[in-house]
Amino acid sequence: MFLLKLLLKNAFRHKLRTLLTLVGLVVAVSAFGLLQTIVDAWYAGVEGSSSTRLVSRSSISLTFPLPLNYAQRIKAVEGVSSVSWANWFGGVYVTERNFFPQFGVEPASYLSLYPEYRLKDEERLAFIRDRQGCIVGRKLANKFGWKVGDQIPLRGTIYPGTWTFTLRGIWDGAEAKTDESQLLFHWALLNETLRKKYPGRADFVGVYVLGINEPQNAALVSQRVDALFKNSLAETLTETESAFQLSFVSMSEAILVAVRAVSFIIIVIIMAVMANTMTMTARERLAEYATLKALGFPPGFVVKLLFGESLLIALLGGIAGLLLTLPMAAGFASAAGTLFPVFQVSALTQGLQLGAALVVGTVAAAWPAWKMSRIDIVSGLRA
């Protein structure tokens, strides 16, 4: 208790300098946490993927569709328990700024493959029965103030025209990492319209979603599916859902590396600032430390004082920065809208923030503590 009181008095002996150092620590730790959370948000889709789902797409590019008649052939492949499909729509709600994913799906089979979408039974049934109906995630519904029964008009970009859907249900994610920012509607409605207006574009789907019972056989089942359509006009590339999600993340890998680098550079900068503060502190108290040694205190006591003071300041700044990160992340998520389906400060990020603060405090005190533990008593008193 005595040592703690002594550390508090020493830490706040120069209140302005300590306050400025704390402000720098708070800014650095909170910025570090926010940048790490942004990176985590990019990988949220990968972490939220299921090991019991595979995705089969065109081997050329995701923009090339696959024939609808592949569904029955895929379902007959050994190891495949169920098959559904989805088609990217790309509509605009009111303005281009209101971006969110929209997919035309086969309702019954698709929802059975995504049990993490918690939908009321009556809403699920209403969606399946209504060809004009749609369902959305809770996050998306809250953003636009939608409620069951509302009419949602989307202006088509890939598929021209205005498409109006009736909201039949709102799902909640089973976990925090479950995506709640999508809109799902009947693929059959899209296909019927294409068959009337653009017959050549009908009876095609974007991707097939495959359910498997044994995740350890995912690679083998993928090979079987791709072998089935080898040398055909529309060859497939089948992979796990996590690998499919990673293919999108890899497109922005350079940006993510840059964001991570900036987050660590911030910590290094504040480490240099903190080291300068502790060096100034040690230099000002040279005579005090020499007096302590003259009174019989061992060099280790001086080291404890410097390390304790540095770690105390770093810990206070780290905790304050961590607490500030939470409202910052909430504000950023609100401003980003549906750009990041899942945006939350993870326990790992919070641990990294505190760890970074403690590393800053330890490294900053290392050099001045070593110097002060070796000072000559006479030279110190003379100073």
Protein backbone atom coordinates (compact mmCIF):
# COMPACT_ATOMS: atom_id res chain seq x y z
CA MET A 1 0.00 0.00 0.00
CA PHE A 2 2.88 2.34 0.84
CA LEU A 3 4.49 1.65 -2.51
CA LEU A 4 1.22 2.31 -4.34
CA LYS A 5 0.77 5.67 -2.59
CA LEU A 6 4.36 6.56 -3.46
CA LEU A 7 3.81 5.62 -7.11
CA LEU A 8 0.63 7.72 -7.31
CA LYS A 9 2.39 10.76 -5.83
CA ASN A 10 5.34 10.35 -8.19
CA ALA A 11 3.14 9.78 -11.24
CA PHE A 12 1.13 12.96 -10.68
CA ARG A 13 3.93 15.15 -9.38
CA HIS A 14 3.94 16.95 -12.75
CA LYS A 15 0.21 16.89 -13.43
CA LEU A 16 0.27 18.55 -16.84
CA ARG A 17 2.97 16.27 -18.23
CA THR A 18 1.25 13.17 -16.87
CA LEU A 19 -2.10 14.34 -18.21
CA LEU A 20 -0.70 14.90 -21.70
CA THR A 21 1.00 11.50 -21.62
CA LEU A 22 -2.29 9.90 -20.57
CA VAL A 23 -4.15 11.65 -23.39
CA GLY A 24 -1.60 10.33 -25.88
CA LEU A 25 -1.98 6.82 -24.48
CA VAL A 26 -5.77 6.98 -24.59
CA VAL A 27 -5.75 8.15 -28.21
CA ALA A 28 -3.20 5.52 -29.24
CA VAL A 29 -4.87 2.60 -27.47
CA SER A 30 -8.38 3.52 -28.67
CA ALA A 31 -7.15 4.02 -32.26
CA PHE A 32 -5.33 0.69 -32.08
CA GLY A 33 -8.51 -1.02 -30.88
CA LEU A 34 -10.71 0.60 -33.54
CA LEU A 35 -8.34 -0.33 -36.38
CA GLN A 36 -8.08 -3.91 -35.15
CA THR A 37 -11.89 -4.08 -34.97
CA ILE A 38 -12.13 -2.89 -38.57
CA VAL A 39 -9.81 -5.70 -39.65
CA ASP A 40 -11.85 -8.20 -37.62
CA ALA A 41 -15.02 -6.94 -39.30
CA TRP A 42 -13.58 -7.78 -42.72
CA TYR A 43 -13.09 -11.37 -41.57
CA ALA A 44 -16.47 -11.61 -39.82
CA GLY A 45 -18.01 -13.46 -42.76
CA VAL A 46 -15.24 -16.07 -42.62
CA GLU A 47 -15.64 -16.57 -38.88
CA GLY A 48 -19.41 -16.83 -39.23
CA SER A 49 -19.24 -19.49 -41.94
CA SER A 50 -20.30 -23.09 -41.30
CA SER A 51 -18.15 -26.19 -41.72
CA THR A 52 -21.19 -28.11 -42.98
CA ARG A 53 -21.75 -25.88 -46.03
CA LEU A 54 -19.98 -25.82 -49.36
CA VAL A 55 -20.36 -23.24 -52.12
CA SER A 56 -20.18 -24.19 -55.78
CA ARG A 57 -19.69 -21.46 -58.37
CA SER A 58 -18.44 -21.10 -61.93
CA SER A 59 -14.75 -21.97 -62.24
CA ILE A 60 -14.24 -18.98 -64.53
CA SER A 61 -15.67 -16.23 -62.36
CA LEU A 62 -18.45 -15.54 -59.91
CA THR A 63 -20.09 -13.37 -62.58
CA PHE A 64 -20.72 -16.42 -64.78
CA PRO A 65 -23.98 -18.20 -63.80
CA LEU A 66 -24.59 -21.93 -63.54
CA PRO A 67 -27.52 -23.82 -65.14
CA LEU A 68 -30.46 -24.62 -62.87
CA ASN A 69 -30.42 -28.28 -63.91
CA TYR A 70 -27.15 -28.76 -62.00
CA ALA A 71 -29.14 -28.88 -58.76
CA GLN A 72 -30.45 -32.45 -59.12
CA ARG A 73 -27.10 -33.75 -60.33
CA ILE A 74 -25.28 -32.15 -57.39
CA LYS A 75 -27.81 -33.57 -54.92
CA ALA A 76 -27.05 -37.07 -56.22
CA VAL A 77 -23.33 -36.71 -55.39
CA GLU A 78 -22.20 -38.92 -52.53
CA GLY A 79 -21.75 -36.89 -49.34
CA VAL A 80 -24.18 -34.10 -50.30
CA SER A 81 -27.20 -34.02 -47.99
CA SER A 82 -29.03 -30.99 -49.39
CA VAL A 83 -28.74 -28.38 -52.14
CA SER A 84 -30.03 -24.84 -52.54
CA TRP A 85 -29.03 -21.86 -54.61
CA ALA A 86 -28.75 -18.08 -54.48
CA ASN A 87 -28.47 -15.27 -56.98
CA TRP A 88 -27.02 -11.81 -56.35
CA PHE A 89 -29.58 -9.11 -57.17
CA GLY A 90 -27.80 -5.79 -56.74
CA GLY A 91 -30.81 -3.51 -56.34
CA VAL A 92 -30.85 0.06 -55.02
CA TYR A 93 -33.11 1.13 -52.16
CA VAL A 94 -33.97 4.85 -52.52
CA THR A 95 -30.34 5.88 -53.08
CA GLU A 96 -27.03 4.20 -53.94
CA ARG A 97 -25.75 5.03 -50.45
CA ASN A 98 -28.17 2.48 -48.98
CA PHE A 99 -26.08 -0.50 -50.00
CA PHE A 100 -26.91 -3.94 -48.60
CA PRO A 101 -26.73 -7.49 -50.00
CA GLN A 102 -29.86 -8.89 -51.69
CA PHE A 103 -30.19 -12.48 -52.86
CA GLY A 104 -32.82 -14.40 -54.74
CA VAL A 105 -33.03 -17.82 -53.06
CA GLU A 106 -35.11 -20.99 -52.98
CA PRO A 107 -36.75 -20.27 -49.58
CA ALA A 108 -37.37 -23.67 -47.99
CA SER A 109 -34.07 -25.35 -48.85
CA TYR A 110 -31.98 -22.21 -48.31
CA LEU A 111 -33.30 -21.47 -44.83
CA SER A 112 -32.83 -25.09 -43.78
CA LEU A 113 -29.13 -24.68 -44.63
CA TYR A 114 -28.89 -21.54 -42.46
CA PRO A 115 -30.28 -22.50 -39.03
CA GLU A 116 -28.44 -19.53 -37.52
CA TYR A 117 -31.13 -17.30 -39.07
CA ARG A 118 -33.67 -17.39 -36.23
CA LEU A 119 -37.06 -16.71 -37.83
CA LYS A 120 -40.49 -17.19 -36.27
CA ASP A 121 -42.35 -20.19 -37.68
CA GLU A 122 -45.30 -18.11 -38.86
CA GLU A 123 -42.98 -15.63 -40.57
CA ARG A 124 -41.03 -18.42 -42.24
CA LEU A 125 -44.25 -19.96 -43.54
CA ALA A 126 -45.55 -16.60 -44.76
CA PHE A 127 -42.33 -16.00 -46.65
CA ILE A 128 -42.36 -19.43 -48.29
CA ARG A 129 -45.99 -19.02 -49.39
CA ASP A 130 -45.72 -15.46 -50.72
CA ARG A 131 -43.88 -15.34 -54.05
CA GLN A 132 -43.66 -11.55 -53.68
CA GLY A 133 -42.40 -11.76 -50.11
CA CYS A 134 -38.96 -11.19 -48.62
CA ILE A 135 -37.19 -11.46 -45.27
CA VAL A 136 -34.41 -9.32 -43.81
CA GLY A 137 -31.98 -9.40 -40.90
CA ARG A 138 -32.67 -7.48 -37.71
CA LYS A 139 -29.81 -5.04 -38.22
CA LEU A 140 -31.09 -4.08 -41.67
CA ALA A 141 -34.69 -3.73 -40.46
CA ASN A 142 -33.60 -1.48 -37.59
CA LYS A 143 -31.54 0.73 -39.90
CA PHE A 144 -34.46 1.54 -42.20
CA GLY A 145 -37.26 1.19 -39.64
CA TRP A 146 -38.89 -1.68 -41.50
CA LYS A 147 -41.56 -3.85 -39.93
CA VAL A 148 -43.41 -6.93 -41.09
CA GLY A 149 -45.92 -6.06 -43.82
CA ASP A 150 -43.98 -3.09 -45.23
CA GLN A 151 -43.47 -2.71 -48.97
CA ILE A 152 -39.80 -2.53 -49.99
CA PRO A 153 -39.12 -1.19 -53.52
CA LEU A 154 -35.73 -1.94 -55.09
CA ARG A 155 -34.51 -0.40 -58.31
CA GLY A 156 -32.75 -3.08 -60.32
CA THR A 157 -29.27 -2.51 -61.71
CA ILE A 158 -28.39 -5.97 -63.03
CA TYR A 159 -32.08 -6.73 -63.56
CA PRO A 160 -33.85 -3.55 -64.83
CA GLY A 161 -37.08 -2.27 -63.40
CA THR A 162 -38.57 -1.58 -60.00
CA TRP A 163 -39.09 -4.67 -57.88
CA THR A 164 -41.41 -4.34 -54.90
CA PHE A 165 -41.32 -6.94 -52.11
CA THR A 166 -43.54 -7.42 -49.07
CA LEU A 167 -41.61 -7.90 -45.85
CA ARG A 168 -42.79 -11.21 -44.36
CA GLY A 169 -40.22 -11.77 -41.64
CA ILE A 170 -37.21 -10.45 -39.73
CA TRP A 171 -34.56 -12.88 -38.55
CA ASP A 172 -32.26 -12.60 -35.55
CA GLY A 173 -28.79 -14.08 -35.61
CA ALA A 174 -28.09 -17.07 -33.38
CA GLU A 175 -24.73 -15.48 -32.49
CA ALA A 176 -23.24 -12.01 -32.53
CA LYS A 177 -21.20 -12.88 -35.64
CA THR A 178 -24.30 -13.91 -37.64
CA ASP A 179 -24.99 -11.59 -40.57
CA GLU A 180 -28.20 -9.58 -40.06
CA SER A 181 -27.79 -7.16 -42.97
CA GLN A 182 -29.17 -9.14 -45.91
CA LEU A 183 -32.45 -9.25 -47.81
CA LEU A 184 -33.67 -12.57 -49.20
CA PHE A 185 -36.49 -12.96 -51.73
CA HIS A 186 -37.84 -15.69 -54.03
CA TRP A 187 -35.48 -16.63 -56.84
CA ALA A 188 -38.51 -18.05 -58.69
CA LEU A 189 -40.00 -14.55 -58.99
CA LEU A 190 -36.80 -13.28 -60.57
CA ASN A 191 -36.61 -16.27 -62.89
CA GLU A 192 -40.22 -15.95 -64.05
CA THR A 193 -39.70 -12.30 -64.93
CA LEU A 194 -36.50 -13.09 -66.82
CA ARG A 195 -38.23 -15.89 -68.70
CA LYS A 196 -40.81 -13.39 -69.98
CA LYS A 197 -38.52 -10.48 -70.78
CA TYR A 198 -35.06 -12.02 -71.30
CA PRO A 199 -35.49 -15.77 -72.00
CA GLY A 200 -31.78 -16.27 -72.54
CA ARG A 201 -31.01 -15.24 -68.93
CA ALA A 202 -33.59 -17.51 -67.31
CA ASP A 203 -32.95 -20.80 -65.49
CA PHE A 204 -29.50 -19.80 -64.26
CA VAL A 205 -28.27 -19.28 -60.69
CA GLY A 206 -25.30 -17.50 -59.18
CA VAL A 207 -24.05 -20.14 -56.74
CA TYR A 208 -25.13 -23.44 -55.29
CA VAL A 209 -25.03 -23.96 -51.54
CA LEU A 210 -24.41 -27.57 -50.54
CA GLY A 211 -25.11 -29.14 -47.18
CA ILE A 212 -22.84 -31.96 -46.00
CA ASN A 213 -23.07 -34.12 -42.88
CA GLU A 214 -19.36 -34.84 -42.46
CA PRO A 215 -17.21 -31.67 -42.53
CA GLN A 216 -14.01 -33.75 -42.63
CA ASN A 217 -15.02 -34.93 -46.12
CA ALA A 218 -15.49 -31.40 -47.48
CA ALA A 219 -12.48 -31.62 -49.83
CA LEU A 220 -13.52 -35.02 -51.15
CA VAL A 221 -17.12 -33.94 -51.79
CA SER A 222 -15.86 -30.76 -53.52
CA GLN A 223 -13.71 -32.87 -55.85
CA ARG A 224 -16.65 -35.13 -56.68
CA VAL A 225 -18.88 -32.19 -57.59
CA ASP A 226 -16.25 -30.51 -59.75
CA ALA A 227 -15.41 -33.82 -61.47
CA LEU A 228 -19.08 -34.22 -62.36
CA PHE A 229 -19.01 -31.07 -64.50
CA LYS A 230 -15.44 -31.28 -65.78
CA ASN A 231 -15.10 -30.44 -69.50
CA SER A 232 -18.68 -29.13 -69.59
CA LEU A 233 -19.71 -25.69 -70.84
CA ALA A 234 -20.03 -24.51 -67.24
CA GLU A 235 -17.36 -26.10 -65.06
CA THR A 236 -17.66 -25.58 -61.30
CA LEU A 237 -15.35 -24.63 -58.47
CA THR A 238 -16.57 -26.01 -55.16
CA GLU A 239 -15.04 -24.95 -51.85
CA THR A 240 -15.91 -24.56 -48.20
CA GLU A 241 -17.97 -21.57 -47.23
CA SER A 242 -15.04 -20.09 -45.31
CA ALA A 243 -12.75 -20.41 -48.36
CA PHE A 244 -15.45 -18.78 -50.49
CA GLN A 245 -15.63 -15.84 -48.06
CA LEU A 246 -11.84 -15.57 -47.94
CA SER A 247 -11.76 -15.15 -51.72
CA PHE A 248 -13.55 -11.81 -51.23
CA VAL A 249 -11.35 -10.77 -48.31
CA SER A 250 -8.21 -11.50 -50.32
CA MET A 251 -9.22 -8.81 -52.81
CA SER A 252 -8.54 -6.18 -50.15
CA GLU A 253 -5.62 -7.93 -48.45
CA ALA A 254 -3.23 -5.04 -49.14
CA ILE A 255 -5.60 -2.60 -47.45
CA LEU A 256 -5.93 -4.85 -44.41
CA VAL A 257 -2.16 -5.20 -44.10
CA ALA A 258 -1.84 -1.41 -44.26
CA VAL A 259 -4.49 -0.95 -41.55
CA ARG A 260 -2.73 -3.45 -39.27
CA ALA A 261 0.62 -1.75 -39.90
CA VAL A 262 -0.82 1.67 -39.02
CA SER A 263 -2.31 0.32 -35.78
CA PHE A 264 1.09 -0.99 -34.64
CA ILE A 265 2.92 2.15 -35.79
CA ILE A 266 0.63 4.17 -33.52
CA ILE A 267 1.69 2.03 -30.56
CA VAL A 268 5.37 2.43 -31.44
CA ILE A 269 4.99 6.22 -31.61
CA ILE A 270 3.32 6.47 -28.23
CA MET A 271 6.00 4.13 -26.87
CA ALA A 272 8.65 6.67 -27.91
CA VAL A 273 6.66 9.51 -26.30
CA MET A 274 6.27 7.51 -23.10
CA ALA A 275 9.99 6.64 -23.05
CA ASN A 276 10.86 10.32 -23.38
CA THR A 277 8.54 11.15 -20.47
CA MET A 278 10.12 8.52 -18.22
CA THR A 279 13.63 9.62 -19.20
CA MET A 280 12.80 13.21 -18.24
CA THR A 281 11.29 11.99 -14.97
CA ALA A 282 14.39 9.96 -14.10
CA ARG A 283 16.74 12.83 -14.96
CA GLU A 284 14.81 15.26 -12.73
CA ARG A 285 14.93 12.85 -9.78
CA LEU A 286 18.57 11.91 -10.05
CA ALA A 287 19.41 13.39 -6.65
CA GLU A 288 16.42 11.67 -5.03
CA TYR A 289 17.48 8.26 -6.29
CA ALA A 290 21.06 8.90 -5.17
CA THR A 291 19.75 9.80 -1.71
CA LEU A 292 17.72 6.59 -1.55
CA LYS A 293 20.82 4.56 -2.38
CA ALA A 294 22.79 6.51 0.24
CA LEU A 295 20.15 5.61 2.83
CA GLY A 296 20.60 1.94 2.04
CA PHE A 297 17.82 1.21 -0.42
CA PRO A 298 19.01 -1.35 -2.97
CA PRO A 299 19.14 -0.55 -6.72
CA GLY A 300 16.12 -2.81 -7.20
CA PHE A 301 13.95 -0.38 -5.23
CA VAL A 302 14.78 2.43 -7.64
CA VAL A 303 13.94 0.11 -10.53
CA LYS A 304 10.58 -0.71 -8.91
CA LEU A 305 9.77 2.98 -8.56
CA LEU A 306 10.42 3.75 -12.23
CA PHE A 307 8.77 0.62 -13.59
CA GLY A 308 5.84 0.99 -11.22
CA GLU A 309 5.24 4.61 -12.19
CA SER A 310 5.50 3.86 -15.90
CA LEU A 311 3.20 0.82 -15.69
CA LEU A 312 0.69 2.73 -13.56
CA ILE A 313 0.43 5.53 -16.13
CA ALA A 314 0.28 3.01 -19.00
CA LEU A 315 -2.41 0.95 -17.28
CA LEU A 316 -4.57 4.01 -16.57
CA GLY A 317 -4.22 5.17 -20.17
CA GLY A 318 -4.86 1.65 -21.47
CA ILE A 319 -8.07 1.18 -19.48
CA ALA A 320 -9.35 4.62 -20.46
CA GLY A 321 -8.51 3.93 -24.11
CA LEU A 322 -10.27 0.57 -23.97
CA LEU A 323 -13.41 2.12 -22.50
CA LEU A 324 -13.33 4.87 -25.13
CA THR A 325 -13.06 2.27 -27.92
CA LEU A 326 -16.53 0.87 -27.20
CA PRO A 327 -18.52 4.07 -27.99
CA MET A 328 -16.12 4.84 -30.86
CA ALA A 329 -16.81 1.43 -32.39
CA ALA A 330 -20.55 1.88 -31.93
CA GLY A 331 -20.42 5.27 -33.65
CA PHE A 332 -18.28 3.92 -36.48
CA ALA A 333 -20.63 0.97 -37.00
CA SER A 334 -23.60 3.34 -37.14
CA ALA A 335 -21.85 5.55 -39.71
CA ALA A 336 -20.72 2.56 -41.80
CA GLY A 337 -24.24 1.16 -41.93
CA THR A 338 -24.39 -2.25 -43.59
CA LEU A 339 -20.84 -2.05 -44.96
CA PHE A 340 -19.76 -4.23 -42.04
CA PRO A 341 -22.45 -6.84 -41.23
CA VAL A 342 -20.76 -7.58 -37.89
CA PHE A 343 -18.83 -4.86 -36.08
CA GLN A 344 -17.96 -5.36 -32.42
CA VAL A 345 -14.85 -5.05 -30.26
CA SER A 346 -13.79 -8.62 -29.51
CA ALA A 347 -12.34 -9.85 -26.23
CA LEU A 348 -9.09 -10.56 -28.08
CA THR A 349 -8.87 -6.94 -29.26
CA GLN A 350 -9.49 -5.67 -25.74
CA GLY A 351 -6.76 -7.97 -24.45
CA LEU A 352 -4.39 -6.71 -27.14
CA GLN A 353 -5.15 -3.13 -26.12
CA LEU A 354 -4.27 -3.75 -22.48
CA GLY A 355 -1.27 -5.82 -23.51
CA ALA A 356 -0.03 -3.04 -25.79
CA ALA A 357 -0.40 -0.49 -22.98
CA LEU A 358 1.61 -2.67 -20.59
CA VAL A 359 4.31 -3.25 -23.22
CA VAL A 360 4.54 0.51 -23.75
CA GLY A 361 4.91 1.06 -20.00
CA THR A 362 7.54 -1.67 -19.64
CA VAL A 363 9.67 -0.63 -22.63
CA ALA A 364 9.44 3.08 -21.77
CA ALA A 365 10.86 2.50 -18.28
CA ALA A 366 13.54 -0.03 -19.22
CA TRP A 367 16.35 2.36 -20.17
CA PRO A 368 15.88 5.01 -17.43
CA ALA A 369 15.46 2.26 -14.79
CA TRP A 370 18.70 0.60 -15.85
CA LYS A 371 20.53 3.94 -15.83
CA MET A 372 19.21 4.97 -12.41
CA SER A 373 20.04 1.62 -10.85
CA ARG A 374 23.70 2.20 -11.78
CA ILE A 375 24.10 5.85 -10.72
CA ASP A 376 27.00 6.83 -8.53
CA ILE A 377 25.82 8.27 -5.20
CA VAL A 378 28.32 11.13 -5.14
CA SER A 379 27.65 12.13 -8.75
CA GLY A 380 23.91 11.91 -8.18
CA LEU A 381 23.98 14.11 -5.06
CA ARG A 382 26.22 16.61 -6.79
CA ALA A 383 23.71 16.82 -9.66
